[in-house]
Amino acid sequence: MTRRRAIWLLPFVLALHNLEEGIFFPRYMPRVLGRLPAGVRDWIGPVSLREMGVALVLATAIPLAISVWAAARPASGTALWLVLAMWAMLLLNAAWHVTAALVLFGGYAPGVATAVALNLPLSVLVLRRAVTEQWLSRRARWALLPAAVAFHLPGALGVMVLSRALSASS
């Protein structure tokens, strides 16, 4: 796994993962919303399929933009760090999907197939290579964990809020 391959594999993996979610979310949306804590449900309100679609497009486009930046500026430590932070987020995402599938849905959850087949093994591969080849300083590598947490849940909620605003304006 080279840096260049890790950079360009990121948006491809996310596109496949978000495609799986986009295909299966319409059927699972009522179950997902019904299992959210009341406070979260009240805060985000009802989520339309259009808003979910816009959120998935944003969740694909943002990592693509980061990958384009990292490929165009291979010497940029910030761009590489963001790519690796997204890979760390995908590792967390895999754990999230497996937990949701087992605990919340008793089987399948939208996105779990690509989370297990792609996100988990590829994120481990990329992150191990980054550590072995010291793509980042030790301090920067440790910062990937809080970034993964911030990108996963608060980031997902932020994308949903942005998708609501974009859906309302069109």
Protein backbone atom coordinates (compact mmCIF):
# COMPACT_ATOMS: atom_id res chain seq x y z
CA MET A 1 0.00 0.00 0.00
CA THR A 2 1.60 3.22 -1.14
CA ARG A 3 0.61 6.69 0.03
CA ARG A 4 -0.77 7.47 -3.42
CA ARG A 5 -2.89 4.33 -3.41
CA ALA A 6 -4.14 5.10 0.13
CA ILE A 7 -5.09 8.60 -1.01
CA TRP A 8 -7.09 7.45 -4.05
CA LEU A 9 -8.58 4.35 -2.44
CA LEU A 10 -10.26 6.49 0.25
CA PRO A 11 -12.95 8.14 -1.92
CA PHE A 12 -13.56 4.89 -3.79
CA VAL A 13 -14.18 2.94 -0.57
CA LEU A 14 -16.37 5.72 0.84
CA ALA A 15 -18.37 5.91 -2.38
CA LEU A 16 -19.11 2.17 -2.25
CA HIS A 17 -19.95 2.33 1.45
CA ASN A 18 -22.23 5.34 0.99
CA LEU A 19 -23.86 3.67 -2.01
CA GLU A 20 -24.75 0.67 0.15
CA GLU A 21 -26.20 2.98 2.78
CA GLY A 22 -28.12 4.92 0.14
CA ILE A 23 -29.66 1.76 -1.28
CA PHE A 24 -30.75 0.29 2.05
CA PHE A 25 -31.46 3.36 4.19
CA PRO A 26 -34.94 4.01 2.77
CA ARG A 27 -36.14 0.68 4.16
CA TYR A 28 -34.28 1.08 7.47
CA MET A 29 -34.86 4.81 8.08
CA PRO A 30 -37.98 4.37 10.26
CA ARG A 31 -36.18 1.75 12.39
CA VAL A 32 -33.07 3.92 12.72
CA LEU A 33 -35.06 6.99 13.76
CA GLY A 34 -37.22 4.91 16.09
CA ARG A 35 -34.17 3.66 17.97
CA LEU A 36 -32.51 7.04 18.51
CA PRO A 37 -32.76 8.53 21.99
CA ALA A 38 -35.67 10.98 22.24
CA GLY A 39 -33.34 13.95 22.79
CA VAL A 40 -31.39 13.20 19.61
CA ARG A 41 -34.61 12.57 17.66
CA ASP A 42 -36.02 15.89 18.86
CA TRP A 43 -32.80 17.71 17.99
CA ILE A 44 -32.46 16.39 14.44
CA GLY A 45 -36.19 16.17 13.78
CA PRO A 46 -37.53 14.04 10.96
CA VAL A 47 -34.95 13.16 8.30
CA SER A 48 -36.24 12.96 4.76
CA LEU A 49 -34.81 10.57 2.19
CA ARG A 50 -33.73 13.61 0.16
CA GLU A 51 -31.77 14.96 3.13
CA MET A 52 -30.18 11.55 3.64
CA GLY A 53 -29.24 11.43 -0.04
CA VAL A 54 -27.66 14.88 0.10
CA ALA A 55 -25.79 13.88 3.28
CA LEU A 56 -24.41 10.77 1.57
CA VAL A 57 -23.31 12.82 -1.44
CA LEU A 58 -21.54 15.27 0.91
CA ALA A 59 -20.00 12.37 2.85
CA THR A 60 -18.57 11.15 -0.46
CA ALA A 61 -17.57 14.53 -1.92
CA ILE A 62 -15.70 15.83 1.13
CA PRO A 63 -13.23 12.88 1.29
CA LEU A 64 -12.86 13.09 -2.49
CA ALA A 65 -11.87 16.75 -2.15
CA ILE A 66 -9.38 15.82 0.59
CA SER A 67 -7.92 13.11 -1.64
CA VAL A 68 -7.63 15.49 -4.60
CA TRP A 69 -5.83 17.96 -2.33
CA ALA A 70 -3.48 15.27 -0.97
CA ALA A 71 -2.70 13.99 -4.46
CA ALA A 72 -2.10 17.48 -5.82
CA ARG A 73 0.10 18.45 -2.85
CA PRO A 74 2.01 15.26 -1.90
CA ALA A 75 4.33 17.24 0.39
CA SER A 76 1.39 18.59 2.45
CA GLY A 77 1.44 16.97 5.88
CA THR A 78 -1.98 18.43 6.61
CA ALA A 79 -3.56 16.87 3.53
CA LEU A 80 -1.99 13.48 4.29
CA TRP A 81 -3.07 13.74 7.94
CA LEU A 82 -6.67 14.42 6.85
CA VAL A 83 -6.60 11.37 4.55
CA LEU A 84 -5.32 9.21 7.40
CA ALA A 85 -7.87 10.72 9.78
CA MET A 86 -10.58 9.67 7.34
CA TRP A 87 -9.11 6.14 7.28
CA ALA A 88 -9.14 6.13 11.10
CA MET A 89 -12.77 7.27 10.96
CA LEU A 90 -13.53 4.33 8.63
CA LEU A 91 -12.04 1.95 11.21
CA LEU A 92 -14.32 3.43 13.86
CA ASN A 93 -17.18 3.32 11.35
CA ALA A 94 -16.69 -0.42 10.89
CA ALA A 95 -16.99 -0.98 14.65
CA TRP A 96 -20.05 1.29 14.70
CA HIS A 97 -21.79 -0.65 11.92
CA VAL A 98 -21.07 -4.06 13.44
CA THR A 99 -22.38 -2.87 16.81
CA ALA A 100 -25.49 -1.36 15.22
CA ALA A 101 -26.14 -4.51 13.20
CA LEU A 102 -25.85 -6.78 16.24
CA VAL A 103 -27.31 -4.64 19.02
CA LEU A 104 -29.88 -2.44 17.30
CA PHE A 105 -31.02 -4.55 14.36
CA GLY A 106 -30.18 -8.13 15.29
CA GLY A 107 -28.56 -8.74 11.89
CA TYR A 108 -28.03 -6.27 9.07
CA ALA A 109 -27.63 -2.51 9.32
CA PRO A 110 -27.23 -0.27 6.25
CA GLY A 111 -23.53 -0.12 5.44
CA VAL A 112 -22.38 -3.11 7.48
CA ALA A 113 -21.37 -5.22 4.48
CA THR A 114 -18.94 -2.65 3.07
CA ALA A 115 -17.85 -1.66 6.59
CA VAL A 116 -16.72 -5.24 7.26
CA ALA A 117 -15.51 -6.13 3.76
CA LEU A 118 -13.78 -2.83 2.89
CA ASN A 119 -13.59 -0.24 5.67
CA LEU A 120 -12.19 -2.56 8.33
CA PRO A 121 -9.43 -4.40 6.45
CA LEU A 122 -8.35 -1.48 4.28
CA SER A 123 -8.24 1.02 7.12
CA VAL A 124 -6.13 -1.39 9.19
CA LEU A 125 -3.83 -1.93 6.20
CA VAL A 126 -3.44 1.79 5.45
CA LEU A 127 -2.97 2.81 9.08
CA ARG A 128 -0.45 0.04 9.77
CA ARG A 129 1.53 1.06 6.71
CA ALA A 130 1.42 4.70 7.79
CA VAL A 131 2.81 3.75 11.20
CA THR A 132 5.43 1.33 9.84
CA GLU A 133 6.69 3.80 7.24
CA GLN A 134 6.23 6.81 9.55
CA TRP A 135 4.14 8.85 7.13
CA LEU A 136 3.33 11.11 10.08
CA SER A 137 5.04 12.03 13.32
CA ARG A 138 4.10 10.07 16.41
CA ARG A 139 2.21 13.08 17.77
CA ALA A 140 0.24 13.47 14.52
CA ARG A 141 -0.60 9.74 14.57
CA TRP A 142 -2.00 10.00 18.10
CA ALA A 143 -4.18 12.90 16.96
CA LEU A 144 -5.88 10.58 14.46
CA LEU A 145 -7.97 8.95 17.22
CA PRO A 146 -9.79 12.09 18.43
CA ALA A 147 -10.15 13.17 14.79
CA ALA A 148 -11.80 9.85 13.93
CA VAL A 149 -14.27 10.29 16.78
CA ALA A 150 -14.98 13.91 15.76
CA PHE A 151 -15.41 13.00 12.10
CA HIS A 152 -17.66 10.04 12.82
CA LEU A 153 -20.50 11.23 15.02
CA PRO A 154 -20.29 15.03 15.21
CA GLY A 155 -19.15 15.06 11.60
CA ALA A 156 -22.08 12.92 10.52
CA LEU A 157 -24.50 15.16 12.41
CA GLY A 158 -22.89 18.23 10.85
CA VAL A 159 -23.28 16.74 7.37
CA MET A 160 -26.95 16.04 8.16
CA VAL A 161 -27.50 19.64 9.28
CA LEU A 162 -25.77 20.91 6.12
CA SER A 163 -27.80 18.53 3.95
CA ARG A 164 -31.02 19.83 5.56
CA ALA A 165 -30.02 23.39 4.75
CA LEU A 166 -29.07 22.48 1.18
CA SER A 167 -32.28 20.48 0.68
CA ALA A 168 -34.40 23.33 2.00
CA SER A 169 -32.76 25.88 -0.30
CA SER A 170 -33.38 23.89 -3.48
